[in-house]
Amino acid sequence: MGSGKSAVGRRLASQLGLEFCDSDDEIEARTGVDISYIFEKEGEDGFRKRESVILAELAVRKNIVLATGGGAAEDPDTRHLLAANGIVVYLYTSVEEQQRRTSKSRNRPLLNNEDPAEVLERLMNLRDPQYREIADLIVSTDGRQVAAVTKEIQKKLAAGTSSDVESS
């Protein structure tokens, strides 16, 4: 959360001449409501079911850059699907940086509680190993602009760099 998946994905797609798809945007377009409303009415489980259906469709498309929701890797089937159908780039962002980037946002249903820092820490502990499991590339976004992150991804893609080389 707050890693820049959409911004980096959009810029990367543009620079590579590919279509950009954002799973959250696709869910909103198909339902006609925003993610916060889905969380309010259906809870996280309802949202995750919708997300897995959308990702099953989008992950098999060719010549796209796909930005997933932060919790997409929580589902083992979705992890397998993503890993099997493309190059997975994990935009690693520390909890402190996530907190800074999301502190003013009101559109993050999982953070609408008393202690967003605790939620971000819990989610990091859960999701970080899941993304590392499937990542072909790991790029740190802490303190970095979208252009720099995108440039690093392009450089690593061109060099065929694997996830054992993590940027800091």
Foldseek 3Di string as FASTA:
>chain_A
DLLCLQVLQVVLLVVVVFAEEELQVVLCVVVVHHPLVCCVVPNPVSVLVSSVVSLLVVLQDPRYRYRYPLCQLLDVVSLVSNLVRDAQEAADEDLVSSCVRCVPDPRDNQCPDDDNSVSSVVSCVRRVVSSLVRHQDYEYCPPHDSVVRNVVVVVCVVVSHGHVDYYD
